[in-house]
Amino acid sequence: MISVGEAVGWVLRVALLIAALVLLILTLLPISHADTWWIRYAMYPALQFAGLMLAIALLLLIWRGVIEWIAIAGLLVGISIQVSRLAPYLAPLVVNVPAPTVTDGNCGTANRVRLLEVNVQRTNRHDHALLNIVRHVDPDIAWFQEVDDWWESELSALDPSMPYGLLDVQPNYFGVHLYSKLPLTDTSTQDLTNSNNPSIFATATLPSGDRLRIYAVHPRPPQVGQSAAERDAQLMATALAAHGDTEAHLVAGDLNAVPWDDILRRVETIGRVADPRVGRGLFITWNANRTFAKWPLDHLLPGPGITLSRLEVLPPFGSDHRPLLADFCVAKPAASPQPLDPAVKQAAEAVVVHGQGKARSPGAATPEGSETHEDRPN
């Protein structure tokens, strides 16, 4: 008859082996690029998974049996994969590599743009906390997401100082408002996946006369009942639109994707934008209200002709996201874009087609914030 201590040890051993297998599977599955929501969501906690796998590997050394050594070997593979995903952002904390993909630079006042990106969280009702932050940092352009009628009323205090803009307020998690001190032209509200999930494209003219094309997006997240297909389609449609820009351009928003997700790598390549986090750190923006489940979901991705003077995650204000602020120096790109390789373009267009209308399909997600056919007119 086994003792209580032996029974507890056996249960702990089995639990650790099961946890090791689950974590390894969750690490490997996203490599398949399957659309299934939980597979793609497993890309988010790379740092947390790496830490858990390391802790489990160390605990399994207590037994040192054949099965434990096999599990430890598998965990080391998983840790290596997660570390490779995080290395471009965490390596600067140890050594001075890799070099930033967006160069540092200072410039004259006429070419400076301060851009603020904020997911307000529709249900957040912390009166004036965000307004105080906005007034303190004094951005030239601000992109607000999850704007409903209450938030539109709250943000209207910015109208006198930021008189230009475009909005599509909604009673769900996809209302948006782009504010700007700088004159805006070529403005449009885009429904990139036929799902009443608006994005805003606009061109700001700087005091220098240089122009900045802004692609402000907030794609739907992978979640229960909703695959990653629509998010990927919106991001890829944005990248294709940005590719041919002859002026400076950037992509901004809560993209509901982490920097190491392959979809963002493809956006950067096709859209000719870069991640200012590379070589600088993680700059975690979500979740402001949790201790463990935290990762970078908000992005400001500048294209050619743009250098970075400042990148900062601002204090929390009640939302589950923290604001992301950047100071950019904007000039006309030195070279015109090259045409996309036909095969790359065709593959990107296939992603866009595949993601059309997924939120309006039978069986699509219906938690609070997801739209139904009756939410808004077609």
Foldseek 3Di string as FASTA:
>chain_A
DDDPVVVVVVVVLVVLLVVLVVLLCLLPQCVVVDQALSSQVSLFPLVLSLVSLVVSLVVLVVPPDPSSVVSNVSSVVSNVSSCVLCCLQCVLVPPQDDDFPFAADDDDPQQKFKEKEDEPAQPFDLQCLVVVVCVVVVGQKYKYWQAAPVNVVRCCVCCVQFVDWDWDHFPFGQTIIMTGNFDKPPWDWDPLFQFPRTWIWIWGQTSVRAIEIETEHAWDARDVLFTCLQLLLVLLVQLQVQQQDQGKYKYWYLSNHACSNVSNVLSCVSNQWGFRSRSPHFQWFAQLPDDNSIGRRTGITIHAQKHWHDWHFDHDRRHRTTMIMTMIRGDGHPDGGDDDDVVSVVVSVVSNVRNHPRLADPRHDDDTRRDYCPRDDD
